[in-house]
Every structure is written in C-alpha cells, then in structure tokens.
C-alpha cells in the first residue's frame, strides 16, 4: 500500500492485523471501569463512582458518636484517668459501631488498637485520637 518507492508506509500500514484487532489502552481501562469504550463516558463514570463513595450522610447517630468521643478526648487530658478512658472508649465504641452497621475489617481493628496504645503515651495522649478514629471508622469502607 505504500504508494511510491521512496515513501515510507503509514502507521496503519505498518501495523500487523493482530495489533488492529486488539483493544487500545483506553479501551482496556474503559472495560475495567464500566465497559464503555468512549473516553468521555469513562471519565464521567469514574466521577460518578467517586461522588457515590464520599456521599455518606451525617446522621444523628454519627453526631452522638462524635460528641461522646470529644468528651472522652477531653476527659483523657486528665493524666490520672487517661488509661481508664481509653478502656472505656473501646467498651463503648466497639458495640456502638457493631449495632450501627459499621463493618469492621483489619484496618479498622488496627486503628482502634493503635488509638488505644497512643492514649497510653503521656505526651501524645492529649491529641484527639479517639475523635479522629471515630470519623475514620464511620466513613471508611
């Protein structure tokens, strides 16, 4: 299909027929996201997936959890009872998460354990680890 002797064949002419039949990189990514081969639709699908992940409503249950965790964080500022507050935190929140329908995986269990350990360290325990852990556990998948 090269027209004359001195001309170089076009890119399509140089490709094998096997390359023409195989999907492009964009098409392969599109099949993973939603099966649509149009790149514009793929981007729209990815944006919709991202919006749905972050749209967990703030409920009264979450507000109550946040209020209790803030109170426990403030009480843990008192050095004499910070260890008891850490134990109380686990006793309160593990069943509360369970009955709220929050599914526990290894990351959430690890964050609860790390929060408990960090509350035992004297100069680090004044940071609001309990409140941050409640937010993380409630909003992560």
Protein backbone atom coordinates (compact mmCIF):
# COMPACT_ATOMS: atom_id res chain seq x y z
CA UNK A 1 0.00 0.00 0.00
CA UNK A 2 3.00 2.26 0.02
CA UNK A 3 2.39 4.39 -2.97
CA UNK A 4 5.86 5.05 -4.30
CA UNK A 5 9.29 3.63 -3.83
CA UNK A 6 10.81 6.43 -1.71
CA UNK A 7 7.83 6.96 0.61
CA UNK A 8 7.55 5.41 3.98
CA UNK A 9 4.39 3.39 4.71
CA UNK A 10 1.86 4.96 7.08
CA UNK A 11 1.48 3.83 10.66
CA UNK A 12 -1.68 1.87 9.91
CA UNK A 13 0.05 0.11 7.03
CA UNK A 14 2.96 -0.88 9.29
CA UNK A 15 0.75 -2.42 11.98
CA UNK A 16 0.03 -6.09 11.97
CA UNK A 17 -3.55 -7.21 11.74
CA UNK A 18 -3.26 -8.59 15.30
CA UNK A 19 -2.49 -5.10 16.62
CA UNK A 20 -5.50 -3.66 14.83
CA UNK A 21 -7.84 -6.18 16.45
CA UNK A 22 -6.51 -5.81 20.00
CA UNK A 23 -8.11 -3.11 22.18
CA UNK A 24 -6.22 0.07 22.86
CA UNK A 25 -5.09 1.11 26.32
CA UNK A 26 -8.07 3.46 26.73
CA UNK A 27 -10.46 0.69 25.73
CA UNK A 28 -8.90 -1.71 28.26
CA UNK A 29 -9.25 0.86 31.06
CA UNK A 30 -12.82 1.51 29.97
CA UNK A 31 -13.65 -2.15 30.22
CA UNK A 32 -12.39 -2.18 33.80
CA UNK A 33 -14.40 0.91 34.79
CA UNK A 34 -17.69 0.34 33.11
CA UNK A 35 -17.37 -1.35 29.77
CA UNK A 36 -17.84 1.84 27.78
CA UNK A 37 -15.20 2.46 25.11
CA UNK A 38 -15.80 6.20 24.87
CA UNK A 39 -13.15 8.00 27.00
CA UNK A 40 -15.54 10.84 27.84
CA UNK A 41 -18.08 8.39 29.23
CA UNK A 42 -15.32 6.63 31.16
CA UNK A 43 -14.35 9.86 32.90
CA UNK A 44 -18.00 10.57 33.71
CA UNK A 45 -18.41 7.04 35.13
CA UNK A 46 -15.30 7.44 37.28
CA UNK A 47 -16.57 10.79 38.61
CA UNK A 48 -19.94 9.27 39.48
CA UNK A 49 -18.25 6.41 41.34
CA UNK A 50 -16.12 8.92 43.30
CA UNK A 51 -19.18 11.01 44.22
CA UNK A 52 -21.06 7.96 45.49
CA UNK A 53 -18.17 6.90 47.70
CA UNK A 54 -17.99 10.23 49.53
CA UNK A 55 -21.75 10.68 49.96
CA UNK A 56 -22.36 9.08 53.32
CA UNK A 57 -24.92 11.18 55.18
CA UNK A 58 -24.27 12.73 58.55
CA UNK A 59 -26.78 11.08 60.82
CA UNK A 60 -27.83 11.73 64.39
CA UNK A 61 -26.01 8.52 65.34
CA UNK A 62 -22.74 9.89 63.94
CA UNK A 63 -23.23 13.23 65.71
CA UNK A 64 -23.77 11.40 69.02
CA UNK A 65 -20.66 9.27 68.41
CA UNK A 66 -18.66 12.38 67.67
CA UNK A 67 -19.93 14.15 70.81
CA UNK A 68 -19.10 11.16 73.04
CA UNK A 69 -15.63 10.81 71.51
CA UNK A 70 -14.93 14.53 72.01
CA UNK A 71 -16.00 14.28 75.65
CA UNK A 72 -13.79 11.21 76.15
CA UNK A 73 -10.87 13.03 74.48
CA UNK A 74 -11.33 15.97 76.82
CA UNK A 75 -11.51 13.66 79.84
CA UNK A 76 -8.33 11.88 78.70
CA UNK A 77 -6.44 15.15 79.25
CA UNK A 78 -6.54 14.34 82.96
CA UNK A 79 -3.41 12.20 83.46
CA UNK A 80 -4.74 10.02 86.26
CA UNK A 81 -7.71 8.63 84.34
CA UNK A 82 -6.47 8.59 80.73
CA UNK A 83 -5.90 4.81 80.77
CA UNK A 84 -9.40 4.20 82.12
CA UNK A 85 -10.85 6.50 79.46
CA UNK A 86 -9.02 4.53 76.77
CA UNK A 87 -10.53 1.27 78.02
CA UNK A 88 -13.96 2.91 78.31
CA UNK A 89 -13.60 4.15 74.73
CA UNK A 90 -13.20 0.59 73.43
CA UNK A 91 -16.01 -0.73 75.63
CA UNK A 92 -18.39 1.94 74.33
CA UNK A 93 -17.50 2.23 70.67
CA UNK A 94 -16.95 -1.36 69.54
CA UNK A 95 -20.58 -2.37 70.27
CA UNK A 96 -21.83 1.02 69.08
CA UNK A 97 -20.15 0.57 65.70
CA UNK A 98 -21.40 -3.01 65.52
CA UNK A 99 -25.04 -2.04 66.16
CA UNK A 100 -24.75 0.94 63.80
CA UNK A 101 -23.93 -1.37 60.93
CA UNK A 102 -20.28 -0.35 60.53
CA UNK A 103 -18.37 -3.30 59.14
CA UNK A 104 -15.01 -3.96 60.75
CA UNK A 105 -12.01 -5.02 58.72
CA UNK A 106 -8.37 -5.36 59.73
CA UNK A 107 -7.62 -1.67 59.10
CA UNK A 108 -10.38 -0.51 61.43
CA UNK A 109 -9.41 -3.01 64.12
CA UNK A 110 -5.80 -1.87 63.78
CA UNK A 111 -6.78 1.78 64.07
CA UNK A 112 -8.78 1.06 67.23
CA UNK A 113 -5.78 -0.76 68.71
CA UNK A 114 -3.37 1.98 67.68
CA UNK A 115 -5.65 4.60 69.21
CA UNK A 116 -5.69 2.69 72.49
CA UNK A 117 -1.91 2.36 72.52
CA UNK A 118 -1.37 6.03 71.65
CA UNK A 119 -3.65 7.06 74.52
CA UNK A 120 -1.26 5.36 76.97
CA UNK A 121 1.72 7.51 75.92
CA UNK A 122 1.85 10.54 78.26
CA UNK A 123 2.79 13.45 75.99
CA UNK A 124 0.92 12.21 72.92
CA UNK A 125 -2.36 11.37 74.63
CA UNK A 126 -3.56 14.97 74.55
CA UNK A 127 -4.15 14.73 70.78
CA UNK A 128 -7.72 13.85 69.70
CA UNK A 129 -7.02 10.31 68.51
CA UNK A 130 -10.38 8.97 69.66
CA UNK A 131 -12.33 11.56 67.68
CA UNK A 132 -10.22 11.01 64.57
CA UNK A 133 -10.69 7.26 64.89
CA UNK A 134 -14.48 7.62 65.13
CA UNK A 135 -14.52 9.73 61.96
CA UNK A 136 -12.23 7.28 60.15
CA UNK A 137 -14.16 4.19 61.24
CA UNK A 138 -17.54 5.69 60.37
CA UNK A 139 -16.63 7.00 56.92
CA UNK A 140 -14.20 4.39 55.60
CA UNK A 141 -15.45 1.40 53.67
